N, C-alpha and C. Protein backbone atom coordinates (compact mmCIF):
# COMPACT_ATOMS: atom_id res chain seq x y z
N MET A 1 127.15 27.42 18.29
CA MET A 1 127.54 27.34 19.73
C MET A 1 127.58 25.91 20.32
N GLU A 2 128.43 26.20 21.53
CA GLU A 2 128.56 24.25 21.89
C GLU A 2 127.11 23.92 22.69
N LYS A 3 126.29 22.44 22.62
CA LYS A 3 125.86 22.50 22.89
C LYS A 3 125.92 22.00 24.10
N ILE A 4 124.62 22.37 25.58
CA ILE A 4 124.91 21.92 26.39
C ILE A 4 125.07 19.99 27.03
N LEU A 5 125.48 19.98 27.68
CA LEU A 5 125.90 17.35 27.34
C LEU A 5 124.97 17.43 29.01
N VAL A 6 123.73 16.91 28.53
CA VAL A 6 123.11 16.40 29.14
C VAL A 6 123.25 14.59 28.87
N SER A 7 122.70 14.15 30.46
CA SER A 7 122.60 12.97 30.06
C SER A 7 121.86 12.37 31.35
N ILE A 8 120.81 10.90 30.97
CA ILE A 8 119.64 10.33 31.13
C ILE A 8 119.61 9.48 32.75
N VAL A 9 119.46 9.33 33.14
CA VAL A 9 119.45 7.58 34.48
C VAL A 9 118.18 7.54 34.41
N GLU A 10 117.50 6.26 33.42
CA GLU A 10 116.19 6.00 33.49
C GLU A 10 115.97 4.92 33.27
N ASP A 11 115.56 4.13 34.15
CA ASP A 11 115.79 2.82 33.93
C ASP A 11 114.07 1.91 32.99
N ILE A 12 113.81 2.56 32.50
CA ILE A 12 112.05 2.89 31.21
C ILE A 12 112.43 2.72 30.46
N PRO A 13 112.58 1.93 29.22
CA PRO A 13 113.35 2.19 28.28
C PRO A 13 112.47 3.45 27.35
N GLU A 14 110.87 2.86 26.90
CA GLU A 14 110.63 3.77 26.20
C GLU A 14 111.20 5.41 26.36
N ILE A 15 111.52 6.02 28.25
CA ILE A 15 110.88 7.12 28.38
C ILE A 15 112.51 7.47 28.15
N ARG A 16 113.29 6.46 27.87
CA ARG A 16 114.98 6.88 28.29
C ARG A 16 115.38 7.29 26.96
N GLU A 17 114.10 6.23 25.77
CA GLU A 17 114.44 6.55 24.19
C GLU A 17 113.85 8.45 23.81
N GLY A 18 112.57 8.50 24.91
CA GLY A 18 111.93 9.56 24.49
C GLY A 18 112.83 10.85 24.84
N LEU A 19 113.11 10.55 26.28
CA LEU A 19 114.14 11.78 26.68
C LEU A 19 115.58 12.36 25.53
N ARG A 20 115.91 11.31 25.27
CA ARG A 20 117.75 11.28 24.41
C ARG A 20 116.86 11.41 22.64
N PHE A 21 115.80 11.58 22.24
CA PHE A 21 115.03 11.43 21.13
C PHE A 21 114.88 13.39 21.58
N MET A 22 114.64 14.19 22.47
CA MET A 22 113.30 15.17 22.66
C MET A 22 114.54 15.88 22.53
N ILE A 23 115.59 15.60 23.61
CA ILE A 23 116.93 16.43 23.96
C ILE A 23 117.47 16.00 22.95
N ASN A 24 117.99 16.08 21.38
CA ASN A 24 119.07 15.13 20.79
C ASN A 24 118.04 16.26 19.65
N GLN A 25 116.94 16.70 19.41
CA GLN A 25 115.75 17.19 18.27
C GLN A 25 116.11 19.09 19.05
N THR A 26 117.15 19.17 20.19
CA THR A 26 116.82 20.34 20.49
C THR A 26 117.83 21.22 20.07
N ARG A 27 117.88 22.49 19.83
CA ARG A 27 118.89 23.70 18.93
C ARG A 27 120.00 23.55 20.54
N ASP A 28 119.67 23.68 21.89
CA ASP A 28 120.40 23.72 22.75
C ASP A 28 121.59 23.09 23.72
N PHE A 29 120.59 21.52 23.10
CA PHE A 29 121.15 20.46 23.76
C PHE A 29 121.79 18.96 23.19
N SER A 30 122.61 18.91 24.18
CA SER A 30 122.66 17.10 23.01
C SER A 30 122.53 16.24 24.89
N CYS A 31 122.57 14.63 24.92
CA CYS A 31 122.56 13.75 24.57
C CYS A 31 123.91 12.20 25.25
N ARG A 32 124.71 12.95 26.22
CA ARG A 32 126.32 13.11 26.38
C ARG A 32 125.76 11.04 26.49
N ASP A 33 125.06 10.63 27.26
CA ASP A 33 125.35 9.18 28.60
C ASP A 33 124.09 8.55 28.14
N ILE A 34 123.91 8.27 28.24
CA ILE A 34 122.11 7.52 29.11
C ILE A 34 122.66 5.50 29.83
N TYR A 35 121.75 6.02 30.96
CA TYR A 35 122.16 4.70 31.75
C TYR A 35 120.65 3.94 32.65
N ASP A 36 120.83 2.90 32.36
CA ASP A 36 119.72 2.80 33.29
C ASP A 36 119.37 2.13 34.82
N ASN A 37 120.47 2.30 35.07
CA ASN A 37 120.99 1.56 36.25
C ASN A 37 121.55 2.81 37.58
N ALA A 38 121.61 2.88 38.67
CA ALA A 38 122.14 3.66 39.57
C ALA A 38 123.91 3.59 39.85
N GLY A 39 123.99 2.22 39.67
CA GLY A 39 125.28 2.50 39.54
C GLY A 39 125.69 2.25 38.80
N ASP A 40 125.80 2.30 37.24
CA ASP A 40 126.39 2.65 36.60
C ASP A 40 126.45 4.20 36.12
N ALA A 41 125.07 4.30 36.39
CA ALA A 41 125.14 5.75 36.71
C ALA A 41 126.32 6.74 37.51
N TYR A 42 126.70 6.35 39.01
CA TYR A 42 127.45 6.98 39.47
C TYR A 42 128.22 7.17 38.86
N LYS A 43 129.29 5.86 38.01
CA LYS A 43 130.52 5.71 37.85
C LYS A 43 130.30 6.33 36.16
N GLY A 44 129.61 6.51 35.86
CA GLY A 44 129.47 7.38 34.78
C GLY A 44 129.61 8.77 34.31
N LEU A 45 129.03 8.61 35.70
CA LEU A 45 128.69 10.31 36.00
C LEU A 45 128.98 10.60 36.65
N LEU A 46 130.00 10.29 36.74
CA LEU A 46 131.58 10.57 38.47
C LEU A 46 132.75 10.68 36.63
N ASN A 47 133.01 10.06 36.67
CA ASN A 47 133.86 9.99 35.26
C ASN A 47 134.04 10.64 33.61
N ASN A 48 133.09 10.85 33.32
CA ASN A 48 132.45 11.44 32.37
C ASN A 48 131.15 12.30 32.89
N PRO A 49 131.07 13.41 33.35
CA PRO A 49 130.56 14.77 33.62
C PRO A 49 129.81 15.30 32.92
N PRO A 50 127.92 15.10 32.84
CA PRO A 50 128.02 16.57 32.39
C PRO A 50 127.72 17.39 32.31
N GLN A 51 126.53 18.86 31.62
CA GLN A 51 126.62 19.83 33.18
C GLN A 51 124.87 19.67 33.08
N LEU A 52 124.48 18.74 32.89
CA LEU A 52 123.58 18.52 33.28
C LEU A 52 122.79 16.55 33.55
N ALA A 53 122.13 16.32 34.57
CA ALA A 53 121.55 15.08 34.55
C ALA A 53 120.32 14.98 34.58
N ILE A 54 120.00 14.12 34.31
CA ILE A 54 118.27 13.94 33.87
C ILE A 54 117.63 12.24 35.11
N MET A 55 117.18 12.78 36.39
CA MET A 55 117.79 11.44 37.50
C MET A 55 116.36 10.98 37.51
N ASP A 56 115.97 10.10 37.56
CA ASP A 56 115.07 8.79 38.25
C ASP A 56 115.10 8.80 39.15
N ILE A 57 114.15 8.02 40.25
CA ILE A 57 114.20 7.96 41.39
C ILE A 57 114.20 6.79 41.38
N SER A 58 113.06 5.93 40.73
CA SER A 58 113.44 4.23 40.58
C SER A 58 114.10 3.40 40.40
N LEU A 59 115.31 3.48 40.04
CA LEU A 59 116.12 2.29 39.32
C LEU A 59 116.02 0.59 40.38
N PRO A 60 116.65 -0.31 39.06
CA PRO A 60 116.25 -1.37 39.77
C PRO A 60 117.94 -1.10 41.89
N ASP A 61 118.61 -0.95 41.02
CA ASP A 61 119.93 -1.09 42.01
C ASP A 61 120.29 0.01 43.64
N GLY A 62 119.07 1.16 42.97
CA GLY A 62 118.85 1.67 44.89
C GLY A 62 118.41 2.94 44.05
N THR A 63 117.92 4.30 44.20
CA THR A 63 117.88 4.94 43.52
C THR A 63 118.47 5.86 43.79
N GLY A 64 118.04 7.14 42.68
CA GLY A 64 118.35 7.98 41.91
C GLY A 64 118.54 8.79 43.06
N LEU A 65 118.30 9.31 44.31
CA LEU A 65 118.41 10.11 44.99
C LEU A 65 120.24 10.38 45.91
N ASP A 66 119.35 8.64 46.27
CA ASP A 66 121.27 8.57 46.48
C ASP A 66 122.34 8.50 45.94
N CYS A 67 122.46 8.19 44.38
CA CYS A 67 123.41 8.25 43.98
C CYS A 67 123.85 9.81 43.34
N ILE A 68 122.37 10.68 44.07
CA ILE A 68 123.27 12.09 43.37
C ILE A 68 123.48 12.28 45.12
N ARG A 69 123.03 12.01 46.40
CA ARG A 69 123.86 12.11 47.55
C ARG A 69 125.74 11.36 47.51
N LYS A 70 125.82 10.83 46.22
CA LYS A 70 127.22 10.14 46.73
C LYS A 70 128.02 11.00 45.59
N LEU A 71 127.44 11.98 44.31
CA LEU A 71 127.87 13.01 43.55
C LEU A 71 128.77 13.82 44.48
N ARG A 72 127.24 13.91 45.60
CA ARG A 72 127.61 14.87 45.78
C ARG A 72 128.94 15.13 46.85
N ALA A 73 129.26 13.77 48.03
CA ALA A 73 129.91 13.31 47.75
C ALA A 73 131.34 13.58 47.79
N ALA A 74 131.48 13.20 46.34
CA ALA A 74 132.49 13.28 45.51
C ALA A 74 133.10 14.50 44.99
N GLY A 75 132.17 15.29 45.33
CA GLY A 75 132.50 16.58 44.49
C GLY A 75 131.92 17.30 43.50
N SER A 76 130.74 16.18 43.28
CA SER A 76 130.05 16.29 41.60
C SER A 76 129.08 18.42 41.73
N ALA A 77 130.07 18.99 40.51
CA ALA A 77 128.75 19.60 39.90
C ALA A 77 127.19 20.07 39.13
N ILE A 78 127.10 18.62 38.88
CA ILE A 78 126.21 18.66 37.77
C ILE A 78 124.94 19.13 38.30
N LEU A 79 124.14 19.46 37.90
CA LEU A 79 123.10 20.23 37.96
C LEU A 79 122.07 19.10 37.70
N PHE A 80 121.65 18.63 38.48
CA PHE A 80 120.90 17.63 38.65
C PHE A 80 119.10 17.32 38.36
N MET A 81 118.95 17.14 37.11
CA MET A 81 116.92 17.10 37.57
C MET A 81 116.48 16.37 37.60
N VAL A 82 115.81 15.70 38.91
CA VAL A 82 114.54 14.61 39.50
C VAL A 82 113.87 14.72 37.74
N PHE A 83 113.26 13.62 37.91
CA PHE A 83 112.52 13.41 36.73
C PHE A 83 111.43 12.36 36.96
N THR A 84 110.61 12.37 37.85
CA THR A 84 109.70 11.06 39.08
C THR A 84 108.29 10.76 38.53
N ILE A 85 107.30 10.32 39.46
CA ILE A 85 105.87 9.19 39.56
C ILE A 85 105.58 10.51 40.70
N TYR A 86 106.45 10.32 41.41
CA TYR A 86 106.06 11.04 42.83
C TYR A 86 105.97 12.46 43.09
N GLU A 87 105.07 12.58 43.39
CA GLU A 87 105.16 14.27 43.87
C GLU A 87 104.35 14.45 45.29
N ASP A 88 104.99 13.12 46.19
CA ASP A 88 104.56 13.48 47.72
C ASP A 88 105.46 14.81 48.31
N SER A 89 105.09 15.91 48.77
CA SER A 89 106.60 16.91 50.35
C SER A 89 107.38 16.07 50.85
N ASP A 90 107.81 14.67 50.82
CA ASP A 90 108.68 13.96 51.72
C ASP A 90 109.62 14.16 50.30
N GLN A 91 109.34 13.62 49.96
CA GLN A 91 110.17 13.11 48.04
C GLN A 91 110.72 14.58 47.72
N VAL A 92 109.58 15.56 48.08
CA VAL A 92 110.88 16.47 47.16
C VAL A 92 111.22 17.77 48.19
N PHE A 93 111.66 17.23 49.66
CA PHE A 93 112.40 17.57 50.09
C PHE A 93 114.25 16.42 50.49
N GLU A 94 113.58 15.54 50.04
CA GLU A 94 114.14 14.57 50.40
C GLU A 94 115.34 14.94 48.74
N ALA A 95 114.39 14.92 48.46
CA ALA A 95 115.02 15.15 46.68
C ALA A 95 116.27 16.53 46.29
N LEU A 96 115.85 17.87 47.27
CA LEU A 96 116.59 18.74 47.22
C LEU A 96 117.83 18.28 48.05
N ALA A 97 117.09 18.01 49.77
CA ALA A 97 118.61 16.89 50.94
C ALA A 97 119.95 16.78 50.00
N ALA A 98 119.12 16.06 48.58
CA ALA A 98 120.44 15.09 48.49
C ALA A 98 121.11 15.61 47.48
N GLY A 99 121.02 17.00 47.32
CA GLY A 99 121.16 17.47 46.09
C GLY A 99 120.97 18.21 44.47
N ALA A 100 119.34 17.95 45.31
CA ALA A 100 119.06 17.86 43.56
C ALA A 100 118.77 19.48 43.57
N ASN A 101 118.16 19.78 42.21
CA ASN A 101 118.51 20.93 42.41
C ASN A 101 117.96 21.20 41.00
N GLY A 102 116.18 20.76 40.88
CA GLY A 102 114.73 20.71 39.77
C GLY A 102 114.38 19.67 39.88
N TYR A 103 113.28 19.57 40.38
CA TYR A 103 112.08 18.70 39.83
C TYR A 103 110.56 18.56 39.15
N LEU A 104 110.94 17.60 38.48
CA LEU A 104 109.83 17.48 37.23
C LEU A 104 108.94 16.34 37.23
N LEU A 105 107.75 15.77 37.37
CA LEU A 105 106.57 15.29 37.60
C LEU A 105 107.34 14.54 35.69
N LYS A 106 106.95 13.37 35.54
CA LYS A 106 106.94 12.41 34.44
C LYS A 106 105.98 13.26 33.41
N ASN A 107 104.93 13.67 33.71
CA ASN A 107 103.48 13.75 32.63
C ASN A 107 104.09 15.85 32.69
N ALA A 108 105.48 15.33 32.35
CA ALA A 108 105.50 17.03 31.86
C ALA A 108 105.19 17.26 30.57
N THR A 109 105.38 18.23 29.71
CA THR A 109 104.79 18.01 28.35
C THR A 109 106.17 18.01 28.21
N PRO A 110 107.09 17.24 26.50
CA PRO A 110 108.08 18.62 26.08
C PRO A 110 108.87 19.64 26.20
N GLU A 111 107.96 20.68 26.05
CA GLU A 111 108.35 21.66 25.86
C GLU A 111 108.13 21.51 27.47
N LYS A 112 107.90 21.52 28.27
CA LYS A 112 108.02 22.28 29.63
C LYS A 112 109.58 21.81 30.36
N ILE A 113 109.52 20.70 30.10
CA ILE A 113 111.11 19.36 30.39
C ILE A 113 112.32 20.42 29.57
N THR A 114 113.16 20.93 28.98
CA THR A 114 113.23 21.49 27.76
C THR A 114 113.35 23.25 28.33
N GLU A 115 112.27 23.92 28.75
CA GLU A 115 111.96 24.57 29.89
C GLU A 115 112.89 24.28 30.68
N ALA A 116 112.89 23.49 31.22
CA ALA A 116 113.35 23.14 33.04
C ALA A 116 114.57 23.17 32.63
N LEU A 117 114.93 22.67 31.56
CA LEU A 117 116.33 22.01 31.26
C LEU A 117 117.37 23.79 31.33
N LYS A 118 116.84 24.83 30.51
CA LYS A 118 117.56 25.24 29.80
C LYS A 118 117.17 26.71 31.74
N ASP A 119 115.65 27.01 32.11
CA ASP A 119 116.24 26.75 33.36
C ASP A 119 116.90 26.83 34.49
N LEU A 120 117.37 24.86 34.71
CA LEU A 120 118.61 24.92 34.84
C LEU A 120 119.48 25.65 35.14
N TYR A 121 120.24 25.08 34.02
CA TYR A 121 121.35 25.63 32.88
C TYR A 121 121.07 27.12 33.14
N ASP A 122 120.39 27.73 33.75
CA ASP A 122 120.57 29.63 33.94
C ASP A 122 121.21 29.68 35.56
N GLY A 123 120.28 28.29 36.49
CA GLY A 123 120.64 28.84 37.53
C GLY A 123 119.06 28.80 38.21
N GLY A 124 118.09 28.23 37.71
CA GLY A 124 116.98 28.53 37.95
C GLY A 124 116.83 26.24 38.43
N SER A 125 116.02 26.66 39.70
CA SER A 125 115.57 25.27 40.40
C SER A 125 113.13 25.44 40.00
N PRO A 126 113.79 24.68 38.43
CA PRO A 126 112.89 24.70 37.79
C PRO A 126 111.87 23.23 38.40
N MET A 127 111.02 23.65 38.91
CA MET A 127 110.00 22.31 39.43
C MET A 127 108.90 22.48 38.39
N SER A 128 107.50 21.05 39.41
CA SER A 128 106.21 21.09 37.92
C SER A 128 105.57 21.80 39.04
N ALA A 129 104.32 22.54 38.15
CA ALA A 129 103.64 23.25 38.84
C ALA A 129 102.90 22.59 40.90
N SER A 130 102.40 21.74 40.70
CA SER A 130 101.51 20.74 41.48
C SER A 130 103.36 20.89 42.08
N ILE A 131 103.50 20.64 42.20
CA ILE A 131 104.95 20.05 43.16
C ILE A 131 105.54 21.48 43.82
N ALA A 132 105.42 22.71 43.09
CA ALA A 132 105.23 24.30 43.48
C ALA A 132 105.67 24.18 44.79
N ARG A 133 103.42 23.80 44.20
CA ARG A 133 101.70 24.30 45.72
C ARG A 133 102.22 23.31 46.45
N LYS A 134 102.99 22.23 46.39
CA LYS A 134 103.01 22.01 47.95
C LYS A 134 103.78 21.85 48.18
N VAL A 135 105.08 22.19 47.46
CA VAL A 135 106.30 23.01 48.54
C VAL A 135 106.36 23.69 49.44
N VAL A 136 105.69 25.07 49.31
CA VAL A 136 105.25 26.22 49.98
C VAL A 136 103.98 25.97 50.74
N ASN A 137 103.01 25.01 50.24
CA ASN A 137 102.17 24.52 51.25
C ASN A 137 102.93 24.28 52.70
N SER A 138 103.96 23.62 52.28
CA SER A 138 104.98 22.20 53.62
C SER A 138 105.56 23.76 54.33
N PHE A 139 106.02 24.87 53.61
CA PHE A 139 106.46 25.64 54.52
C PHE A 139 105.83 26.44 54.83
N ARG A 140 104.69 27.10 54.29
CA ARG A 140 103.45 28.14 55.17
C ARG A 140 103.24 26.75 56.93
N ALA A 141 103.05 25.23 55.92
CA ALA A 141 102.89 24.81 56.65
C ALA A 141 103.90 24.06 58.10
N SER A 142 104.54 24.71 57.94
CA SER A 142 105.98 24.50 58.77
C SER A 142 105.91 25.49 59.56
N ASP A 143 105.79 26.71 59.16
CA ASP A 143 105.67 28.09 59.64
C ASP A 143 104.39 28.50 60.67
N GLU A 144 103.02 28.00 60.67
CA GLU A 144 101.77 28.16 61.50
C GLU A 144 102.37 26.61 62.76
N GLN A 145 102.53 26.35 62.55
CA GLN A 145 102.99 25.26 63.52
C GLN A 145 103.82 25.69 64.39
N ASN A 146 105.04 26.53 63.61
CA ASN A 146 105.49 25.91 64.99
C ASN A 146 105.25 27.92 65.69
N LYS A 147 104.17 28.02 65.04
CA LYS A 147 103.68 29.30 66.68
C LYS A 147 102.27 28.54 67.84
N LEU A 148 101.99 27.17 67.54
CA LEU A 148 101.06 26.24 68.58
C LEU A 148 102.55 26.01 69.56
N SER A 149 101.91 25.64 70.38
CA SER A 149 102.62 25.10 71.95
C SER A 149 102.76 22.68 71.14
N ALA A 150 103.48 22.33 71.44
CA ALA A 150 103.37 20.31 71.44
C ALA A 150 102.10 20.19 70.91
N ARG A 151 101.69 19.90 72.35
CA ARG A 151 100.49 19.80 72.90
C ARG A 151 99.26 20.76 71.89
N GLU A 152 99.42 21.62 71.17
CA GLU A 152 98.34 22.27 70.65
C GLU A 152 98.47 21.78 69.06
N ALA A 153 99.88 21.34 68.78
CA ALA A 153 100.09 21.47 67.75
C ALA A 153 98.35 19.45 66.87
N GLU A 154 99.69 18.70 68.25
CA GLU A 154 98.73 17.30 68.18
C GLU A 154 97.60 17.08 68.52
N VAL A 155 96.83 17.94 68.77
CA VAL A 155 94.84 18.00 69.24
C VAL A 155 94.62 18.45 67.88
N LEU A 156 94.99 20.05 66.94
CA LEU A 156 94.91 19.92 65.93
C LEU A 156 95.25 18.22 64.90
N ASN A 157 96.22 18.31 64.51
CA ASN A 157 96.70 17.09 63.61
C ASN A 157 95.23 15.93 63.70
N LEU A 158 95.61 15.62 65.03
CA LEU A 158 93.73 14.89 65.48
C LEU A 158 92.73 15.42 64.56
N LEU A 159 92.51 16.39 65.05
CA LEU A 159 91.40 16.88 64.64
C LEU A 159 91.12 16.71 63.24
N ALA A 160 92.30 17.22 62.31
CA ALA A 160 92.79 17.59 60.95
C ALA A 160 92.38 15.88 60.30
N LYS A 161 92.83 15.16 61.78
CA LYS A 161 92.05 13.42 61.15
C LYS A 161 90.58 13.21 61.89
N GLY A 162 89.58 13.76 61.59
CA GLY A 162 88.94 13.31 62.31
C GLY A 162 88.01 12.69 63.43
N PHE A 163 88.70 13.22 63.83
CA PHE A 163 88.02 13.03 65.87
C PHE A 163 87.25 14.06 65.73
N LEU A 164 86.97 13.00 67.73
CA LEU A 164 85.60 14.03 67.62
C LEU A 164 86.72 14.66 69.25
N TYR A 165 85.58 15.79 69.77
CA TYR A 165 87.22 16.17 71.22
C TYR A 165 86.91 14.85 72.11
N LYS A 166 85.63 14.25 72.64
CA LYS A 166 85.68 13.03 73.00
C LYS A 166 86.67 12.50 72.93
N GLU A 167 87.26 11.77 71.84
CA GLU A 167 87.78 10.95 71.67
C GLU A 167 89.59 11.49 71.56
N ILE A 168 89.45 12.84 71.20
CA ILE A 168 90.90 13.78 71.30
C ILE A 168 91.46 13.09 72.39
N ALA A 169 90.58 13.08 73.26
CA ALA A 169 90.74 13.81 75.34
C ALA A 169 90.40 12.14 75.82
N ALA A 170 89.64 10.62 75.51
CA ALA A 170 90.71 9.45 75.29
C ALA A 170 92.52 9.25 75.78
N GLN A 171 92.45 10.11 74.25
CA GLN A 171 92.92 9.33 73.47
C GLN A 171 94.93 10.23 74.68
N LEU A 172 94.47 11.21 74.42
CA LEU A 172 95.76 12.44 75.25
C LEU A 172 95.04 11.69 76.92
N PHE A 173 94.26 10.82 77.37
CA PHE A 173 94.56 11.01 78.16
C PHE A 173 94.41 12.54 79.30
N VAL A 174 93.04 13.82 78.99
CA VAL A 174 93.05 14.64 79.44
C VAL A 174 90.91 14.65 79.75
N SER A 175 90.76 15.73 80.28
CA SER A 175 88.53 16.32 79.89
C SER A 175 88.77 16.54 78.34
N THR A 176 87.64 16.50 78.56
CA THR A 176 86.72 17.75 77.12
C THR A 176 87.46 18.35 77.39
N GLY A 177 86.82 18.89 77.90
CA GLY A 177 86.69 21.27 78.95
C GLY A 177 88.95 21.33 78.71
N THR A 178 89.46 20.38 78.17
CA THR A 178 90.90 20.74 78.26
C THR A 178 91.09 21.30 77.17
N ILE A 179 89.93 19.83 76.18
CA ILE A 179 90.98 20.07 74.95
C ILE A 179 89.91 21.39 74.47
N ARG A 180 88.76 21.68 75.07
CA ARG A 180 88.53 22.05 74.32
C ARG A 180 89.17 23.96 74.16
N GLN A 181 89.50 24.08 75.55
CA GLN A 181 90.27 25.33 75.91
C GLN A 181 91.90 25.23 75.43
N HIS A 182 92.24 23.61 75.38
CA HIS A 182 93.27 24.37 73.57
C HIS A 182 92.93 24.92 72.02
N ILE A 183 91.79 23.68 71.87
CA ILE A 183 91.32 24.76 70.82
C ILE A 183 91.30 25.82 70.91
N HIS A 184 91.00 26.28 71.69
CA HIS A 184 89.71 27.98 71.75
C HIS A 184 91.55 28.48 71.36
N HIS A 185 92.94 28.74 72.45
CA HIS A 185 94.12 28.82 72.61
C HIS A 185 94.81 28.61 70.77
N ILE A 186 94.39 27.17 69.98
CA ILE A 186 94.87 27.24 68.03
C ILE A 186 93.62 28.14 67.64
N TYR A 187 93.02 28.71 67.96
CA TYR A 187 92.09 29.61 67.01
C TYR A 187 93.06 30.96 67.31
N GLU A 188 92.64 31.11 68.48
CA GLU A 188 93.74 33.17 68.76
C GLU A 188 94.83 32.29 68.65
N LYS A 189 96.01 31.52 68.13
CA LYS A 189 97.63 32.04 67.64
C LYS A 189 97.76 31.91 66.21
N LEU A 190 95.98 31.46 65.58
CA LEU A 190 95.94 31.04 63.96
C LEU A 190 95.06 32.51 63.76
N HIS A 191 94.23 33.18 64.52
CA HIS A 191 93.60 33.73 64.14
C HIS A 191 92.52 33.84 63.18
N VAL A 192 91.79 32.79 63.28
CA VAL A 192 90.76 30.95 62.78
C VAL A 192 90.11 31.37 63.85
N GLN A 193 88.59 31.17 62.32
CA GLN A 193 87.23 31.38 63.52
C GLN A 193 86.70 30.11 63.68
N ASN A 194 87.49 29.04 63.38
CA ASN A 194 86.58 27.75 63.30
C ASN A 194 87.31 26.67 62.60
N ARG A 195 87.16 25.15 63.28
CA ARG A 195 88.19 23.39 62.67
C ARG A 195 88.80 23.55 61.74
N THR A 196 87.73 24.07 60.34
CA THR A 196 88.26 23.54 58.98
C THR A 196 89.03 24.80 58.67
N GLU A 197 89.12 26.49 59.62
CA GLU A 197 89.91 27.68 58.99
C GLU A 197 91.28 26.94 58.90
N ALA A 198 90.95 26.56 60.50
CA ALA A 198 92.33 25.49 61.52
C ALA A 198 93.19 25.35 60.73
N ILE A 199 92.94 24.17 60.03
CA ILE A 199 93.71 22.48 59.17
C ILE A 199 93.57 23.70 58.64
N ASN A 200 92.58 24.03 57.18
CA ASN A 200 93.61 25.35 55.80
C ASN A 200 94.34 25.32 56.12
N ARG A 201 95.06 26.09 57.81
CA ARG A 201 96.28 27.16 57.15
C ARG A 201 97.14 26.48 57.60
N VAL A 202 97.08 25.35 58.30
CA VAL A 202 98.10 24.48 59.06
C VAL A 202 98.93 23.33 57.90
N PHE A 203 97.96 23.24 57.42
CA PHE A 203 98.13 21.96 56.41
C PHE A 203 97.04 22.08 55.22
N GLY A 204 96.93 23.78 54.05
CA GLY A 204 96.50 23.42 52.96
C GLY A 204 95.98 22.74 52.80
N LYS A 205 93.87 22.78 53.47
CA LYS A 205 93.45 21.24 53.80
C LYS A 205 92.18 22.21 53.28
N ARG A 206 91.53 21.70 52.74
CA ARG A 206 90.67 23.26 52.08
C ARG A 206 89.21 21.28 52.90
N GLY A 207 87.62 22.46 52.79
CA GLY A 207 86.84 22.36 53.69
C GLY A 207 86.60 21.89 55.02
């Protein structure tokens, strides 16, 4: 069976060579090319495209996400697996918006990496478990916040940061009674009984 070609874009030599060795040890994959910067990666992936590419975000001359955006704009059909230390929700959504197909953290085991590559090739969108939870929580937060007015969302955000009612009132130039009224409406809309439940419902926080 013809092997699936994978290219690697990673600036840390040990990680890059480790990935190449791991891929070449598998039955299904073969490493086509390796790149240590975004400029060479763009030209190489455009002219000699593999089926899959493992893409680091932080590169010496730019970001892997910018490289993905440029390749997508040029019509590239490569399936991109972002491989990074960054696990905040903003980076995840930026990667997906740029055209990434999967998102894996660098602490993934070799088994998880090869499993994710197979999933990616088969049409899946593999993610590290912690990343998937963050994505779910972000969508849940967005859905819950849509139930609130802009002012109610602002009040809840300040509550989540630990502000007292009187501090929120002073910051928003309203009375403490008005803040209590907003909070009453927030609880009603979110079907919760207290501040902790409201914050957890919208922001996915505990305690």
